[in-house]
Amino acid sequence: MPGVARGGSGLVVAARRAGAGTLTAVRLTEFWERMNAQFGEAYAQSVAKDQVLAELGDRTVNRALADGQDVKTVWRAVAEAFDVPERLR
């Protein structure tokens, strides 16, 4: 479907007309929803702040996101490192 971006789960996350800022916000929102679903809200923040992941170039989730790493790449690294269930991948 032209003009539509799809997230890692295959869901339509935003139309191109919404603009890149909105698409990024939607992807980050979905990322944090998945983090919270996997770890709970408090522990998700701790994982993001404290866990250094080799798959992210020996950076934390927060640092990788701040450095502009693709959100889907960050989520995949978390999913692999913490054996996230398939339903959340």
PDB file of N, CA and C in Angstrom:
ATOM      1  N   MET A   1       0.850  -1.164   0.000  1.00  0.00           N
ATOM      2  CA  MET A   1       0.000   0.000   0.000  1.00  0.00           C
ATOM      3  C   MET A   1       0.898   1.229   0.000  1.00  0.00           C
ATOM      4  N   PRO A   2       0.892   2.022  -1.057  1.00  0.00           N
ATOM      5  CA  PRO A   2       1.789   3.167  -1.145  1.00  0.00           C
ATOM      6  C   PRO A   2       1.485   4.213  -0.080  1.00  0.00           C
ATOM      7  N   GLY A   3       2.540   4.822   0.425  1.00  0.00           N
ATOM      8  CA  GLY A   3       2.398   5.905   1.385  1.00  0.00           C
ATOM      9  C   GLY A   3       2.121   5.461   2.810  1.00  0.00           C
ATOM     10  N   VAL A   4       2.267   4.174   3.083  1.00  0.00           N
ATOM     11  CA  VAL A   4       1.984   3.680   4.421  1.00  0.00           C
ATOM     12  C   VAL A   4       3.232   3.019   4.975  1.00  0.00           C
ATOM     13  N   ALA A   5       3.551   3.336   6.217  1.00  0.00           N
ATOM     14  CA  ALA A   5       4.690   2.708   6.895  1.00  0.00           C
ATOM     15  C   ALA A   5       4.158   1.606   7.787  1.00  0.00           C
ATOM     16  N   ARG A   6       4.840   0.505   7.850  1.00  0.00           N
ATOM     17  CA  ARG A   6       4.397  -0.606   8.679  1.00  0.00           C
ATOM     18  C   ARG A   6       5.426  -0.850   9.770  1.00  0.00           C
ATOM     19  N   GLY A   7       4.935  -1.174  10.971  1.00  0.00           N
ATOM     20  CA  GLY A   7       5.805  -1.480  12.097  1.00  0.00           C
ATOM     21  C   GLY A   7       6.273  -2.915  12.024  1.00  0.00           C
ATOM     22  N   GLY A   8       7.154  -3.302  12.948  1.00  0.00           N
ATOM     23  CA  GLY A   8       7.701  -4.642  12.987  1.00  0.00           C
ATOM     24  C   GLY A   8       6.639  -5.718  13.120  1.00  0.00           C
ATOM     25  N   SER A   9       5.512  -5.402  13.719  1.00  0.00           N
ATOM     26  CA  SER A   9       4.451  -6.384  13.894  1.00  0.00           C
ATOM     27  C   SER A   9       3.549  -6.449  12.684  1.00  0.00           C
ATOM     28  N   GLY A  10       3.806  -5.655  11.653  1.00  0.00           N
ATOM     29  CA  GLY A  10       2.982  -5.648  10.469  1.00  0.00           C
ATOM     30  C   GLY A  10       1.794  -4.713  10.569  1.00  0.00           C
ATOM     31  N   LEU A  11       1.619  -4.044  11.688  1.00  0.00           N
ATOM     32  CA  LEU A  11       0.511  -3.111  11.843  1.00  0.00           C
ATOM     33  C   LEU A  11       0.839  -1.800  11.155  1.00  0.00           C
ATOM     34  N   VAL A  12      -0.168  -1.189  10.595  1.00  0.00           N
ATOM     35  CA  VAL A  12       0.029   0.132  10.013  1.00  0.00           C
ATOM     36  C   VAL A  12       0.239   1.097  11.163  1.00  0.00           C
ATOM     37  N   VAL A  13       1.371   1.786  11.160  1.00  0.00           N
ATOM     38  CA  VAL A  13       1.674   2.689  12.261  1.00  0.00           C
ATOM     39  C   VAL A  13       1.463   4.153  11.919  1.00  0.00           C
ATOM     40  N   ALA A  14       1.529   4.505  10.661  1.00  0.00           N
ATOM     41  CA  ALA A  14       1.284   5.898  10.306  1.00  0.00           C
ATOM     42  C   ALA A  14       1.251   6.047   8.796  1.00  0.00           C
ATOM     43  N   ALA A  15       0.498   6.981   8.331  1.00  0.00           N
ATOM     44  CA  ALA A  15       0.500   7.311   6.912  1.00  0.00           C
ATOM     45  C   ALA A  15       1.571   8.359   6.664  1.00  0.00           C
ATOM     46  N   ARG A  16       2.133   8.337   5.469  1.00  0.00           N
ATOM     47  CA  ARG A  16       3.196   9.279   5.140  1.00  0.00           C
ATOM     48  C   ARG A  16       2.722  10.713   5.340  1.00  0.00           C
ATOM     49  N   ARG A  17       1.472  10.993   5.040  1.00  0.00           N
ATOM     50  CA  ARG A  17       0.978  12.364   5.157  1.00  0.00           C
ATOM     51  C   ARG A  17       1.026  12.892   6.595  1.00  0.00           C
ATOM     52  N   ALA A  18       1.133  11.990   7.576  1.00  0.00           N
ATOM     53  CA  ALA A  18       1.192  12.422   8.967  1.00  0.00           C
ATOM     54  C   ALA A  18       2.522  13.075   9.305  1.00  0.00           C
ATOM     55  N   GLY A  19       3.549  12.833   8.521  1.00  0.00           N
ATOM     56  CA  GLY A  19       4.842  13.445   8.748  1.00  0.00           C
ATOM     57  C   GLY A  19       5.769  12.556   9.534  1.00  0.00           C
ATOM     58  N   ALA A  20       7.065  12.757   9.345  1.00  0.00           N
ATOM     59  CA  ALA A  20       8.085  11.906   9.970  1.00  0.00           C
ATOM     60  C   ALA A  20       8.065  12.012  11.486  1.00  0.00           C
ATOM     61  N   GLY A  21       7.819  13.186  12.039  1.00  0.00           N
ATOM     62  CA  GLY A  21       7.792  13.337  13.491  1.00  0.00           C
ATOM     63  C   GLY A  21       6.709  12.481  14.132  1.00  0.00           C
ATOM     64  N   THR A  22       5.568  12.422  13.509  1.00  0.00           N
ATOM     65  CA  THR A  22       4.473  11.601  14.018  1.00  0.00           C
ATOM     66  C   THR A  22       4.820  10.131  13.934  1.00  0.00           C
ATOM     67  N   LEU A  23       5.412   9.709  12.831  1.00  0.00           N
ATOM     68  CA  LEU A  23       5.797   8.314  12.655  1.00  0.00           C
ATOM     69  C   LEU A  23       6.782   7.904  13.740  1.00  0.00           C
ATOM     70  N   THR A  24       7.768   8.742  14.014  1.00  0.00           N
ATOM     71  CA  THR A  24       8.737   8.451  15.059  1.00  0.00           C
ATOM     72  C   THR A  24       8.056   8.359  16.416  1.00  0.00           C
ATOM     73  N   ALA A  25       7.143   9.273  16.683  1.00  0.00           N
ATOM     74  CA  ALA A  25       6.429   9.265  17.956  1.00  0.00           C
ATOM     75  C   ALA A  25       5.606   7.996  18.112  1.00  0.00           C
ATOM     76  N   VAL A  26       4.950   7.560  17.035  1.00  0.00           N
ATOM     77  CA  VAL A  26       4.148   6.343  17.091  1.00  0.00           C
ATOM     78  C   VAL A  26       5.036   5.145  17.341  1.00  0.00           C
ATOM     79  N   ARG A  27       6.162   5.077  16.652  1.00  0.00           N
ATOM     80  CA  ARG A  27       7.077   3.954  16.853  1.00  0.00           C
ATOM     81  C   ARG A  27       7.612   3.929  18.282  1.00  0.00           C
ATOM     82  N   LEU A  28       7.972   5.082  18.822  1.00  0.00           N
ATOM     83  CA  LEU A  28       8.453   5.133  20.204  1.00  0.00           C
ATOM     84  C   LEU A  28       7.347   4.766  21.180  1.00  0.00           C
ATOM     85  N   THR A  29       6.143   5.202  20.905  1.00  0.00           N
ATOM     86  CA  THR A  29       5.017   4.850  21.765  1.00  0.00           C
ATOM     87  C   THR A  29       4.817   3.344  21.779  1.00  0.00           C
ATOM     88  N   GLU A  30       4.845   2.718  20.621  1.00  0.00           N
ATOM     89  CA  GLU A  30       4.697   1.264  20.549  1.00  0.00           C
ATOM     90  C   GLU A  30       5.857   0.563  21.252  1.00  0.00           C
ATOM     91  N   PHE A  31       7.065   1.093  21.094  1.00  0.00           N
ATOM     92  CA  PHE A  31       8.231   0.531  21.763  1.00  0.00           C
ATOM     93  C   PHE A  31       8.023   0.510  23.274  1.00  0.00           C
ATOM     94  N   TRP A  32       7.607   1.646  23.843  1.00  0.00           N
ATOM     95  CA  TRP A  32       7.426   1.716  25.290  1.00  0.00           C
ATOM     96  C   TRP A  32       6.242   0.889  25.756  1.00  0.00           C
ATOM     97  N   GLU A  33       5.220   0.764  24.931  1.00  0.00           N
ATOM     98  CA  GLU A  33       4.107  -0.133  25.270  1.00  0.00           C
ATOM     99  C   GLU A  33       4.601  -1.570  25.384  1.00  0.00           C
ATOM    100  N   ARG A  34       5.446  -1.970  24.455  1.00  0.00           N
ATOM    101  CA  ARG A  34       6.000  -3.331  24.482  1.00  0.00           C
ATOM    102  C   ARG A  34       6.946  -3.518  25.664  1.00  0.00           C
ATOM    103  N   MET A  35       7.778  -2.521  25.937  1.00  0.00           N
ATOM    104  CA  MET A  35       8.680  -2.606  27.089  1.00  0.00           C
ATOM    105  C   MET A  35       7.869  -2.759  28.378  1.00  0.00           C
ATOM    106  N   ASN A  36       6.832  -1.941  28.526  1.00  0.00           N
ATOM    107  CA  ASN A  36       5.997  -2.000  29.726  1.00  0.00           C
ATOM    108  C   ASN A  36       5.249  -3.316  29.832  1.00  0.00           C
ATOM    109  N   ALA A  37       4.794  -3.855  28.704  1.00  0.00           N
ATOM    110  CA  ALA A  37       4.092  -5.139  28.710  1.00  0.00           C
ATOM    111  C   ALA A  37       5.029  -6.271  29.122  1.00  0.00           C
ATOM    112  N   GLN A  38       6.278  -6.198  28.705  1.00  0.00           N
ATOM    113  CA  GLN A  38       7.246  -7.251  29.018  1.00  0.00           C
ATOM    114  C   GLN A  38       7.768  -7.151  30.446  1.00  0.00           C
ATOM    115  N   PHE A  39       8.122  -5.942  30.871  1.00  0.00           N
ATOM    116  CA  PHE A  39       8.847  -5.776  32.134  1.00  0.00           C
ATOM    117  C   PHE A  39       8.051  -5.117  33.249  1.00  0.00           C
ATOM    118  N   GLY A  40       6.932  -4.490  32.922  1.00  0.00           N
ATOM    119  CA  GLY A  40       6.255  -3.623  33.881  1.00  0.00           C
ATOM    120  C   GLY A  40       6.872  -2.238  33.768  1.00  0.00           C
ATOM    121  N   GLU A  41       6.110  -1.230  34.121  1.00  0.00           N
ATOM    122  CA  GLU A  41       6.544   0.142  33.872  1.00  0.00           C
ATOM    123  C   GLU A  41       7.851   0.515  34.577  1.00  0.00           C
ATOM    124  N   ALA A  42       7.968   0.215  35.849  1.00  0.00           N
ATOM    125  CA  ALA A  42       9.173   0.607  36.596  1.00  0.00           C
ATOM    126  C   ALA A  42      10.408  -0.150  36.113  1.00  0.00           C
ATOM    127  N   TYR A  43      10.275  -1.457  35.949  1.00  0.00           N
ATOM    128  CA  TYR A  43      11.438  -2.243  35.530  1.00  0.00           C
ATOM    129  C   TYR A  43      11.830  -1.937  34.091  1.00  0.00           C
ATOM    130  N   ALA A  44      10.860  -1.603  33.243  1.00  0.00           N
ATOM    131  CA  ALA A  44      11.168  -1.233  31.857  1.00  0.00           C
ATOM    132  C   ALA A  44      12.103  -0.024  31.831  1.00  0.00           C
ATOM    133  N   GLN A  45      11.825   0.947  32.697  1.00  0.00           N
ATOM    134  CA  GLN A  45      12.687   2.133  32.769  1.00  0.00           C
ATOM    135  C   GLN A  45      14.088   1.768  33.246  1.00  0.00           C
ATOM    136  N   SER A  46      14.160   0.855  34.195  1.00  0.00           N
ATOM    137  CA  SER A  46      15.445   0.399  34.706  1.00  0.00           C
ATOM    138  C   SER A  46      16.236  -0.337  33.637  1.00  0.00           C
ATOM    139  N   VAL A  47      15.578  -1.232  32.925  1.00  0.00           N
ATOM    140  CA  VAL A  47      16.241  -1.969  31.839  1.00  0.00           C
ATOM    141  C   VAL A  47      16.788  -0.987  30.817  1.00  0.00           C
ATOM    142  N   ALA A  48      15.980  -0.020  30.429  1.00  0.00           N
ATOM    143  CA  ALA A  48      16.384   0.953  29.409  1.00  0.00           C
ATOM    144  C   ALA A  48      17.562   1.802  29.859  1.00  0.00           C
ATOM    145  N   LYS A  49      17.610   2.097  31.141  1.00  0.00           N
ATOM    146  CA  LYS A  49      18.650   2.981  31.677  1.00  0.00           C
ATOM    147  C   LYS A  49      19.934   2.237  32.037  1.00  0.00           C
ATOM    148  N   ASP A  50      19.806   0.993  32.509  1.00  0.00           N
ATOM    149  CA  ASP A  50      20.948   0.321  33.126  1.00  0.00           C
ATOM    150  C   ASP A  50      21.574  -0.826  32.341  1.00  0.00           C
ATOM    151  N   GLN A  51      20.808  -1.506  31.511  1.00  0.00           N
ATOM    152  CA  GLN A  51      21.329  -2.693  30.827  1.00  0.00           C
ATOM    153  C   GLN A  51      22.079  -2.310  29.549  1.00  0.00           C
ATOM    154  N   VAL A  52      23.329  -2.682  29.482  1.00  0.00           N
ATOM    155  CA  VAL A  52      24.150  -2.455  28.296  1.00  0.00           C
ATOM    156  C   VAL A  52      24.026  -3.693  27.416  1.00  0.00           C
ATOM    157  N   LEU A  53      23.635  -3.478  26.165  1.00  0.00           N
ATOM    158  CA  LEU A  53      23.412  -4.589  25.246  1.00  0.00           C
ATOM    159  C   LEU A  53      24.453  -4.598  24.137  1.00  0.00           C
ATOM    160  N   ALA A  54      25.097  -5.730  23.961  1.00  0.00           N
ATOM    161  CA  ALA A  54      26.104  -5.878  22.908  1.00  0.00           C
ATOM    162  C   ALA A  54      25.503  -5.601  21.537  1.00  0.00           C
ATOM    163  N   GLU A  55      24.242  -6.036  21.339  1.00  0.00           N
ATOM    164  CA  GLU A  55      23.570  -5.852  20.051  1.00  0.00           C
ATOM    165  C   GLU A  55      23.358  -4.376  19.707  1.00  0.00           C
ATOM    166  N   LEU A  56      23.490  -3.520  20.693  1.00  0.00           N
ATOM    167  CA  LEU A  56      23.347  -2.081  20.477  1.00  0.00           C
ATOM    168  C   LEU A  56      24.698  -1.378  20.523  1.00  0.00           C
ATOM    169  N   GLY A  57      25.750  -2.117  20.249  1.00  0.00           N
ATOM    170  CA  GLY A  57      27.079  -1.516  20.271  1.00  0.00           C
ATOM    171  C   GLY A  57      27.535  -1.185  21.671  1.00  0.00           C
ATOM    172  N   ASP A  58      27.188  -2.066  22.614  1.00  0.00           N
ATOM    173  CA  ASP A  58      27.535  -1.870  24.026  1.00  0.00           C
ATOM    174  C   ASP A  58      26.985  -0.552  24.568  1.00  0.00           C
ATOM    175  N   ARG A  59      25.728  -0.284  24.201  1.00  0.00           N
ATOM    176  CA  ARG A  59      25.021   0.902  24.712  1.00  0.00           C
ATOM    177  C   ARG A  59      23.753   0.443  25.426  1.00  0.00           C
ATOM    178  N   THR A  60      23.226   1.322  26.248  1.00  0.00           N
ATOM    179  CA  THR A  60      21.917   1.067  26.853  1.00  0.00           C
ATOM    180  C   THR A  60      20.837   1.387  25.821  1.00  0.00           C
ATOM    181  N   VAL A  61      19.633   0.958  26.120  1.00  0.00           N
ATOM    182  CA  VAL A  61      18.490   1.286  25.267  1.00  0.00           C
ATOM    183  C   VAL A  61      18.348   2.801  25.164  1.00  0.00           C
ATOM    184  N   ASN A  62      18.392   3.486  26.302  1.00  0.00           N
ATOM    185  CA  ASN A  62      18.246   4.944  26.287  1.00  0.00           C
ATOM    186  C   ASN A  62      19.317   5.620  25.440  1.00  0.00           C
ATOM    187  N   ARG A  63      20.562   5.176  25.557  1.00  0.00           N
ATOM    188  CA  ARG A  63      21.656   5.779  24.795  1.00  0.00           C
ATOM    189  C   ARG A  63      21.480   5.501  23.312  1.00  0.00           C
ATOM    190  N   ALA A  64      21.098   4.269  22.962  1.00  0.00           N
ATOM    191  CA  ALA A  64      20.902   3.914  21.555  1.00  0.00           C
ATOM    192  C   ALA A  64      19.796   4.774  20.933  1.00  0.00           C
ATOM    193  N   LEU A  65      18.695   4.928  21.656  1.00  0.00           N
ATOM    194  CA  LEU A  65      17.610   5.766  21.146  1.00  0.00           C
ATOM    195  C   LEU A  65      18.042   7.221  21.031  1.00  0.00           C
ATOM    196  N   ALA A  66      18.757   7.719  22.028  1.00  0.00           N
ATOM    197  CA  ALA A  66      19.249   9.105  21.994  1.00  0.00           C
ATOM    198  C   ALA A  66      20.222   9.324  20.844  1.00  0.00           C
ATOM    199  N   ASP A  67      20.971   8.282  20.508  1.00  0.00           N
ATOM    200  CA  ASP A  67      21.931   8.367  19.399  1.00  0.00           C
ATOM    201  C   ASP A  67      21.263   8.227  18.035  1.00  0.00           C
ATOM    202  N   GLY A  68      19.946   8.008  18.032  1.00  0.00           N
ATOM    203  CA  GLY A  68      19.227   7.922  16.767  1.00  0.00           C
ATOM    204  C   GLY A  68      19.099   6.519  16.189  1.00  0.00           C
ATOM    205  N   GLN A  69      19.432   5.512  16.980  1.00  0.00           N
ATOM    206  CA  GLN A  69      19.290   4.132  16.513  1.00  0.00           C
ATOM    207  C   GLN A  69      17.825   3.867  16.186  1.00  0.00           C
ATOM    208  N   ASP A  70      17.569   3.137  15.120  1.00  0.00           N
ATOM    209  CA  ASP A  70      16.215   2.800  14.709  1.00  0.00           C
ATOM    210  C   ASP A  70      15.486   2.088  15.844  1.00  0.00           C
ATOM    211  N   VAL A  71      14.263   2.500  16.118  1.00  0.00           N
ATOM    212  CA  VAL A  71      13.477   1.954  17.225  1.00  0.00           C
ATOM    213  C   VAL A  71      13.262   0.454  17.062  1.00  0.00           C
ATOM    214  N   LYS A  72      12.989   0.009  15.843  1.00  0.00           N
ATOM    215  CA  LYS A  72      12.773  -1.423  15.618  1.00  0.00           C
ATOM    216  C   LYS A  72      14.039  -2.218  15.912  1.00  0.00           C
ATOM    217  N   THR A  73      15.188  -1.673  15.581  1.00  0.00           N
ATOM    218  CA  THR A  73      16.456  -2.340  15.864  1.00  0.00           C
ATOM    219  C   THR A  73      16.671  -2.453  17.367  1.00  0.00           C
ATOM    220  N   VAL A  74      16.341  -1.397  18.089  1.00  0.00           N
ATOM    221  CA  VAL A  74      16.481  -1.415  19.550  1.00  0.00           C
ATOM    222  C   VAL A  74      15.547  -2.460  20.145  1.00  0.00           C
ATOM    223  N   TRP A  75      14.294  -2.493  19.686  1.00  0.00           N
ATOM    224  CA  TRP A  75      13.352  -3.470  20.222  1.00  0.00           C
ATOM    225  C   TRP A  75      13.825  -4.892  19.939  1.00  0.00           C
ATOM    226  N   ARG A  76      14.321  -5.138  18.744  1.00  0.00           N
ATOM    227  CA  ARG A  76      14.807  -6.485  18.413  1.00  0.00           C
ATOM    228  C   ARG A  76      15.957  -6.887  19.330  1.00  0.00           C
ATOM    229  N   ALA A  77      16.831  -5.957  19.652  1.00  0.00           N
ATOM    230  CA  ALA A  77      17.944  -6.246  20.559  1.00  0.00           C
ATOM    231  C   ALA A  77      17.425  -6.592  21.952  1.00  0.00           C
ATOM    232  N   VAL A  78      16.445  -5.841  22.431  1.00  0.00           N
ATOM    233  CA  VAL A  78      15.842  -6.122  23.735  1.00  0.00           C
ATOM    234  C   VAL A  78      15.171  -7.494  23.700  1.00  0.00           C
ATOM    235  N   ALA A  79      14.415  -7.757  22.654  1.00  0.00           N
ATOM    236  CA  ALA A  79      13.687  -9.017  22.532  1.00  0.00           C
ATOM    237  C   ALA A  79      14.638 -10.206  22.558  1.00  0.00           C
ATOM    238  N   GLU A  80      15.771 -10.093  21.900  1.00  0.00           N
ATOM    239  CA  GLU A  80      16.757 -11.178  21.893  1.00  0.00           C
ATOM    240  C   GLU A  80      17.451 -11.317  23.249  1.00  0.00           C
ATOM    241  N   ALA A  81      17.858 -10.208  23.817  1.00  0.00           N
ATOM    242  CA  ALA A  81      18.606 -10.240  25.075  1.00  0.00           C
ATOM    243  C   ALA A  81      17.771 -10.765  26.240  1.00  0.00           C
ATOM    244  N   PHE A  82      16.463 -10.513  26.209  1.00  0.00           N
ATOM    245  CA  PHE A  82      15.608 -10.868  27.339  1.00  0.00           C
ATOM    246  C   PHE A  82      14.595 -11.965  27.002  1.00  0.00           C
ATOM    247  N   ASP A  83      14.771 -12.631  25.871  1.00  0.00           N
ATOM    248  CA  ASP A  83      13.907 -13.733  25.489  1.00  0.00           C
ATOM    249  C   ASP A  83      12.430 -13.352  25.593  1.00  0.00           C
ATOM    250  N   VAL A  84      12.085 -12.244  24.937  1.00  0.00           N
ATOM    251  CA  VAL A  84      10.721 -11.737  24.944  1.00  0.00           C
ATOM    252  C   VAL A  84       9.825 -12.717  24.189  1.00  0.00           C
ATOM    253  N   PRO A  85       8.625 -12.994  24.710  1.00  0.00           N
ATOM    254  CA  PRO A  85       7.712 -13.911  24.042  1.00  0.00           C
ATOM    255  C   PRO A  85       7.360 -13.444  22.622  1.00  0.00           C
ATOM    256  N   GLU A  86       7.108 -14.386  21.770  1.00  0.00           N
ATOM    257  CA  GLU A  86       6.818 -14.104  20.359  1.00  0.00           C
ATOM    258  C   GLU A  86       5.654 -13.121  20.206  1.00  0.00           C
ATOM    259  N   ARG A  87       4.661 -13.179  21.056  1.00  0.00           N
ATOM    260  CA  ARG A  87       3.487 -12.302  20.921  1.00  0.00           C
ATOM    261  C   ARG A  87       3.822 -10.817  21.077  1.00  0.00           C
ATOM    262  N   LEU A  88       4.952 -10.518  21.700  1.00  0.00           N
ATOM    263  CA  LEU A  88       5.378  -9.125  21.875  1.00  0.00           C
ATOM    264  C   LEU A  88       6.447  -8.695  20.876  1.00  0.00           C
ATOM    265  N   ARG A  89       6.920  -9.610  20.069  1.00  0.00           N
ATOM    266  CA  ARG A  89       8.003  -9.264  19.142  1.00  0.00           C
ATOM    267  C   ARG A  89       7.541  -8.521  17.945  1.00  0.00           C
TER     268      ARG A  89
END
